[in-house]
Amino acid sequence: MKWITAVIKPFKLDEVREALAEVGVQGMTVTEVKGFGRQHGHTELYRGAEYVVDFLPKLKIEIAVTDAQVEQAVEAIGNAARTGKVGDGKVFVSALEQVVRIRTQEVDADAL
């Protein structure tokens, strides 16, 4: 099993959610986050004064998938979230040792 964390632009959420549903991913957790990478923020004008916005709004999507779903899920996220511009985001894949569904006590792949 794998834990996939993706950081994407907020307006791409619906496309990513639909793409993941098409490849069989059943659930996800979405968190509003702020950050920056290579884009290093940007400058804005407010009431005539210019100021730097270092942390840009992003969404963090977290999903748990079986080993068989990993490549499809990563590809779905990448294709749906891509705009071709700086700041599209990143996808992180890490090992997931154990999952337990609280209600039924099912474990691992059965709990997904």
N, C-alpha and C. Protein backbone atom coordinates (compact mmCIF):
# COMPACT_ATOMS: atom_id res chain seq x y z
N MET A 1 0.84 -1.18 0.00
CA MET A 1 0.00 0.00 0.00
C MET A 1 0.89 1.24 0.00
N LYS A 2 0.37 2.31 -0.55
CA LYS A 2 1.12 3.56 -0.64
C LYS A 2 0.24 4.72 -0.17
N TRP A 3 0.91 5.74 0.34
CA TRP A 3 0.27 6.98 0.76
C TRP A 3 0.71 8.04 -0.24
N ILE A 4 -0.24 8.62 -0.96
CA ILE A 4 0.07 9.63 -1.96
C ILE A 4 -0.36 10.98 -1.44
N THR A 5 0.57 11.92 -1.45
CA THR A 5 0.30 13.30 -1.05
C THR A 5 0.58 14.17 -2.27
N ALA A 6 -0.39 14.96 -2.66
CA ALA A 6 -0.23 15.85 -3.80
C ALA A 6 -0.54 17.28 -3.35
N VAL A 7 0.28 18.21 -3.80
CA VAL A 7 0.04 19.63 -3.54
C VAL A 7 -0.26 20.25 -4.90
N ILE A 8 -1.47 20.82 -5.02
CA ILE A 8 -1.94 21.32 -6.32
C ILE A 8 -2.51 22.73 -6.17
N LYS A 9 -2.77 23.35 -7.33
CA LYS A 9 -3.45 24.64 -7.34
C LYS A 9 -4.92 24.42 -6.98
N PRO A 10 -5.50 25.32 -6.18
CA PRO A 10 -6.88 25.11 -5.70
C PRO A 10 -7.93 24.93 -6.80
N PHE A 11 -7.81 25.64 -7.90
CA PHE A 11 -8.85 25.55 -8.93
C PHE A 11 -8.81 24.24 -9.71
N LYS A 12 -7.83 23.39 -9.45
CA LYS A 12 -7.71 22.11 -10.13
C LYS A 12 -8.34 20.95 -9.34
N LEU A 13 -8.90 21.23 -8.18
CA LEU A 13 -9.41 20.16 -7.31
C LEU A 13 -10.47 19.30 -7.98
N ASP A 14 -11.47 19.90 -8.59
CA ASP A 14 -12.55 19.12 -9.18
C ASP A 14 -12.03 18.20 -10.28
N GLU A 15 -11.12 18.69 -11.10
CA GLU A 15 -10.55 17.86 -12.17
C GLU A 15 -9.77 16.69 -11.59
N VAL A 16 -8.99 16.95 -10.55
CA VAL A 16 -8.20 15.89 -9.93
C VAL A 16 -9.13 14.87 -9.27
N ARG A 17 -10.15 15.33 -8.58
CA ARG A 17 -11.09 14.42 -7.93
C ARG A 17 -11.77 13.50 -8.94
N GLU A 18 -12.20 14.08 -10.06
CA GLU A 18 -12.85 13.28 -11.11
C GLU A 18 -11.88 12.29 -11.73
N ALA A 19 -10.64 12.70 -11.96
CA ALA A 19 -9.63 11.82 -12.56
C ALA A 19 -9.32 10.65 -11.62
N LEU A 20 -9.24 10.92 -10.33
CA LEU A 20 -8.98 9.85 -9.36
C LEU A 20 -10.17 8.89 -9.27
N ALA A 21 -11.38 9.41 -9.34
CA ALA A 21 -12.56 8.55 -9.30
C ALA A 21 -12.58 7.61 -10.51
N GLU A 22 -12.14 8.11 -11.66
CA GLU A 22 -12.12 7.30 -12.88
C GLU A 22 -11.15 6.12 -12.77
N VAL A 23 -10.07 6.27 -11.99
CA VAL A 23 -9.11 5.17 -11.84
C VAL A 23 -9.38 4.32 -10.60
N GLY A 24 -10.51 4.58 -9.92
CA GLY A 24 -10.93 3.72 -8.83
C GLY A 24 -10.53 4.14 -7.44
N VAL A 25 -10.03 5.35 -7.27
CA VAL A 25 -9.71 5.83 -5.93
C VAL A 25 -11.01 6.29 -5.28
N GLN A 26 -11.32 5.73 -4.10
CA GLN A 26 -12.63 5.96 -3.50
C GLN A 26 -12.70 7.12 -2.53
N GLY A 27 -11.62 7.48 -1.89
CA GLY A 27 -11.70 8.55 -0.90
C GLY A 27 -10.44 9.38 -0.89
N MET A 28 -10.54 10.54 -0.30
CA MET A 28 -9.38 11.42 -0.19
C MET A 28 -9.59 12.42 0.93
N THR A 29 -8.50 12.98 1.38
CA THR A 29 -8.55 14.06 2.36
C THR A 29 -7.95 15.29 1.69
N VAL A 30 -8.61 16.42 1.80
CA VAL A 30 -8.14 17.66 1.19
C VAL A 30 -7.96 18.70 2.29
N THR A 31 -6.79 19.34 2.27
CA THR A 31 -6.47 20.37 3.26
C THR A 31 -6.02 21.63 2.54
N GLU A 32 -6.50 22.78 3.00
CA GLU A 32 -6.01 24.05 2.45
C GLU A 32 -4.67 24.35 3.11
N VAL A 33 -3.65 24.58 2.29
CA VAL A 33 -2.31 24.87 2.79
C VAL A 33 -1.75 26.08 2.06
N LYS A 34 -0.64 26.59 2.56
CA LYS A 34 0.06 27.69 1.89
C LYS A 34 1.52 27.31 1.79
N GLY A 35 2.17 27.71 0.71
CA GLY A 35 3.57 27.39 0.55
C GLY A 35 4.13 27.98 -0.72
N PHE A 36 5.39 27.67 -0.97
CA PHE A 36 6.01 28.09 -2.22
C PHE A 36 7.15 27.15 -2.54
N GLY A 37 7.47 27.11 -3.81
CA GLY A 37 8.59 26.31 -4.29
C GLY A 37 9.47 27.20 -5.11
N ARG A 38 9.68 26.82 -6.34
CA ARG A 38 10.55 27.60 -7.23
C ARG A 38 9.97 28.95 -7.58
N GLN A 39 8.64 29.11 -7.47
CA GLN A 39 8.05 30.38 -7.85
C GLN A 39 8.33 31.49 -6.83
N HIS A 40 8.71 31.13 -5.62
CA HIS A 40 9.09 32.09 -4.58
C HIS A 40 8.06 33.18 -4.35
N GLY A 41 6.81 32.86 -4.49
CA GLY A 41 5.77 33.85 -4.24
C GLY A 41 5.67 34.85 -5.37
N HIS A 42 5.00 35.96 -5.11
CA HIS A 42 4.86 37.02 -6.10
C HIS A 42 4.59 38.34 -5.38
N THR A 43 4.60 39.44 -6.14
CA THR A 43 4.33 40.74 -5.54
C THR A 43 2.93 41.19 -5.95
N GLU A 44 2.28 41.91 -5.05
CA GLU A 44 0.95 42.45 -5.31
C GLU A 44 0.92 43.91 -4.91
N LEU A 45 0.00 44.64 -5.52
CA LEU A 45 -0.20 46.04 -5.17
C LEU A 45 -1.47 46.14 -4.34
N TYR A 46 -1.39 46.79 -3.19
CA TYR A 46 -2.56 46.99 -2.35
C TYR A 46 -2.53 48.42 -1.85
N ARG A 47 -3.54 49.20 -2.24
CA ARG A 47 -3.65 50.61 -1.87
C ARG A 47 -2.37 51.38 -2.18
N GLY A 48 -1.84 51.10 -3.36
CA GLY A 48 -0.66 51.83 -3.82
C GLY A 48 0.67 51.31 -3.30
N ALA A 49 0.64 50.38 -2.37
CA ALA A 49 1.89 49.83 -1.82
C ALA A 49 2.11 48.43 -2.38
N GLU A 50 3.34 48.15 -2.75
CA GLU A 50 3.69 46.84 -3.27
C GLU A 50 4.18 45.98 -2.12
N TYR A 51 3.69 44.76 -2.05
CA TYR A 51 4.18 43.86 -1.01
C TYR A 51 4.35 42.45 -1.59
N VAL A 52 5.17 41.67 -0.93
CA VAL A 52 5.49 40.33 -1.42
C VAL A 52 4.60 39.31 -0.72
N VAL A 53 3.99 38.45 -1.52
CA VAL A 53 3.21 37.34 -0.99
C VAL A 53 4.10 36.10 -1.11
N ASP A 54 4.70 35.70 0.01
CA ASP A 54 5.64 34.58 0.00
C ASP A 54 4.94 33.23 -0.09
N PHE A 55 3.85 33.07 0.62
CA PHE A 55 3.17 31.80 0.68
C PHE A 55 1.90 31.85 -0.16
N LEU A 56 1.84 30.98 -1.15
CA LEU A 56 0.70 30.96 -2.06
C LEU A 56 -0.30 29.90 -1.63
N PRO A 57 -1.59 30.13 -1.84
CA PRO A 57 -2.60 29.14 -1.45
C PRO A 57 -2.52 27.90 -2.34
N LYS A 58 -2.53 26.75 -1.71
CA LYS A 58 -2.50 25.46 -2.41
C LYS A 58 -3.47 24.52 -1.70
N LEU A 59 -3.70 23.37 -2.31
CA LEU A 59 -4.47 22.32 -1.67
C LEU A 59 -3.57 21.09 -1.55
N LYS A 60 -3.66 20.42 -0.41
CA LYS A 60 -2.94 19.18 -0.21
C LYS A 60 -3.96 18.05 -0.23
N ILE A 61 -3.76 17.11 -1.15
CA ILE A 61 -4.63 15.95 -1.28
C ILE A 61 -3.87 14.74 -0.76
N GLU A 62 -4.52 13.96 0.10
CA GLU A 62 -3.91 12.75 0.63
C GLU A 62 -4.82 11.58 0.34
N ILE A 63 -4.22 10.52 -0.25
CA ILE A 63 -4.99 9.32 -0.55
C ILE A 63 -4.16 8.08 -0.22
N ALA A 64 -4.85 7.02 0.16
CA ALA A 64 -4.21 5.73 0.39
C ALA A 64 -4.66 4.80 -0.73
N VAL A 65 -3.70 4.13 -1.38
CA VAL A 65 -4.02 3.25 -2.50
C VAL A 65 -3.27 1.93 -2.37
N THR A 66 -3.75 0.94 -3.08
CA THR A 66 -3.03 -0.33 -3.15
C THR A 66 -1.84 -0.16 -4.08
N ASP A 67 -0.89 -1.08 -4.00
CA ASP A 67 0.28 -1.01 -4.87
C ASP A 67 -0.11 -1.02 -6.35
N ALA A 68 -1.17 -1.72 -6.68
CA ALA A 68 -1.62 -1.81 -8.07
C ALA A 68 -2.19 -0.49 -8.60
N GLN A 69 -2.65 0.38 -7.71
CA GLN A 69 -3.27 1.64 -8.12
C GLN A 69 -2.30 2.81 -8.20
N VAL A 70 -1.09 2.64 -7.70
CA VAL A 70 -0.18 3.78 -7.53
C VAL A 70 0.09 4.51 -8.84
N GLU A 71 0.55 3.80 -9.85
CA GLU A 71 0.91 4.46 -11.11
C GLU A 71 -0.28 5.17 -11.75
N GLN A 72 -1.44 4.53 -11.73
CA GLN A 72 -2.64 5.15 -12.31
C GLN A 72 -3.03 6.41 -11.54
N ALA A 73 -2.95 6.35 -10.21
CA ALA A 73 -3.33 7.50 -9.39
C ALA A 73 -2.38 8.67 -9.60
N VAL A 74 -1.07 8.39 -9.63
CA VAL A 74 -0.09 9.47 -9.84
C VAL A 74 -0.27 10.09 -11.22
N GLU A 75 -0.49 9.25 -12.22
CA GLU A 75 -0.70 9.75 -13.58
C GLU A 75 -1.97 10.58 -13.66
N ALA A 76 -3.03 10.13 -13.01
CA ALA A 76 -4.30 10.86 -13.02
C ALA A 76 -4.14 12.24 -12.37
N ILE A 77 -3.45 12.29 -11.24
CA ILE A 77 -3.22 13.57 -10.56
C ILE A 77 -2.40 14.49 -11.45
N GLY A 78 -1.32 13.97 -12.00
CA GLY A 78 -0.45 14.78 -12.84
C GLY A 78 -1.16 15.35 -14.05
N ASN A 79 -1.91 14.51 -14.73
CA ASN A 79 -2.61 14.97 -15.94
C ASN A 79 -3.70 15.98 -15.61
N ALA A 80 -4.42 15.77 -14.52
CA ALA A 80 -5.53 16.66 -14.18
C ALA A 80 -5.06 17.98 -13.59
N ALA A 81 -3.93 17.97 -12.86
CA ALA A 81 -3.47 19.18 -12.18
C ALA A 81 -2.54 20.03 -13.04
N ARG A 82 -2.07 19.51 -14.14
CA ARG A 82 -1.08 20.21 -14.96
C ARG A 82 -1.69 21.39 -15.71
N THR A 83 -1.06 22.56 -15.54
CA THR A 83 -1.42 23.73 -16.35
C THR A 83 -0.28 24.09 -17.29
N GLY A 84 0.92 23.58 -16.99
CA GLY A 84 2.09 23.90 -17.79
C GLY A 84 2.83 25.12 -17.31
N LYS A 85 2.37 25.68 -16.20
CA LYS A 85 3.00 26.87 -15.65
C LYS A 85 3.67 26.54 -14.33
N VAL A 86 4.58 27.42 -13.91
CA VAL A 86 5.27 27.24 -12.64
C VAL A 86 4.25 27.21 -11.51
N GLY A 87 4.44 26.29 -10.55
CA GLY A 87 3.54 26.23 -9.41
C GLY A 87 2.44 25.21 -9.53
N ASP A 88 2.53 24.32 -10.52
CA ASP A 88 1.50 23.28 -10.67
C ASP A 88 1.45 22.35 -9.47
N GLY A 89 2.57 22.15 -8.80
CA GLY A 89 2.56 21.34 -7.59
C GLY A 89 3.48 20.14 -7.68
N LYS A 90 3.31 19.23 -6.73
CA LYS A 90 4.13 18.03 -6.64
C LYS A 90 3.29 16.87 -6.14
N VAL A 91 3.77 15.65 -6.43
CA VAL A 91 3.15 14.43 -5.94
C VAL A 91 4.22 13.65 -5.20
N PHE A 92 3.92 13.25 -3.97
CA PHE A 92 4.84 12.47 -3.15
C PHE A 92 4.21 11.10 -2.90
N VAL A 93 5.00 10.05 -3.04
CA VAL A 93 4.52 8.69 -2.80
C VAL A 93 5.39 8.08 -1.71
N SER A 94 4.76 7.55 -0.68
CA SER A 94 5.51 6.91 0.40
C SER A 94 4.83 5.61 0.80
N ALA A 95 5.60 4.76 1.45
CA ALA A 95 5.08 3.46 1.88
C ALA A 95 4.06 3.65 3.00
N LEU A 96 3.07 2.79 2.99
CA LEU A 96 2.03 2.81 4.01
C LEU A 96 2.04 1.44 4.69
N GLU A 97 2.43 1.43 5.93
CA GLU A 97 2.64 0.16 6.61
C GLU A 97 1.35 -0.55 7.01
N GLN A 98 0.41 0.20 7.56
CA GLN A 98 -0.81 -0.45 8.03
C GLN A 98 -1.98 0.52 7.98
N VAL A 99 -3.16 -0.02 7.67
CA VAL A 99 -4.40 0.75 7.68
C VAL A 99 -5.43 -0.06 8.45
N VAL A 100 -6.17 0.58 9.33
CA VAL A 100 -7.24 -0.09 10.08
C VAL A 100 -8.50 0.75 9.96
N ARG A 101 -9.57 0.14 9.49
CA ARG A 101 -10.87 0.83 9.45
C ARG A 101 -11.45 0.75 10.86
N ILE A 102 -11.72 1.86 11.45
CA ILE A 102 -12.15 1.91 12.84
C ILE A 102 -13.48 1.18 13.06
N ARG A 103 -14.44 1.41 12.18
CA ARG A 103 -15.78 0.85 12.38
C ARG A 103 -15.78 -0.67 12.38
N THR A 104 -15.09 -1.30 11.41
CA THR A 104 -15.17 -2.75 11.24
C THR A 104 -13.92 -3.50 11.65
N GLN A 105 -12.85 -2.78 11.96
CA GLN A 105 -11.56 -3.36 12.31
C GLN A 105 -10.89 -4.07 11.13
N GLU A 106 -11.36 -3.82 9.90
CA GLU A 106 -10.69 -4.38 8.72
C GLU A 106 -9.29 -3.76 8.63
N VAL A 107 -8.36 -4.52 8.09
CA VAL A 107 -6.98 -4.02 8.01
C VAL A 107 -6.47 -4.03 6.58
N ASP A 108 -5.47 -3.19 6.36
CA ASP A 108 -4.73 -3.07 5.10
C ASP A 108 -5.64 -2.85 3.90
N ALA A 109 -5.47 -3.61 2.83
CA ALA A 109 -6.22 -3.36 1.58
C ALA A 109 -7.72 -3.43 1.79
N ASP A 110 -8.18 -4.29 2.70
CA ASP A 110 -9.63 -4.38 2.97
C ASP A 110 -10.16 -3.09 3.61
N ALA A 111 -9.28 -2.35 4.29
CA ALA A 111 -9.70 -1.12 4.96
C ALA A 111 -9.74 0.07 4.01
N LEU A 112 -9.11 -0.08 2.86
CA LEU A 112 -9.11 1.03 1.91
C LEU A 112 -10.47 1.10 1.21
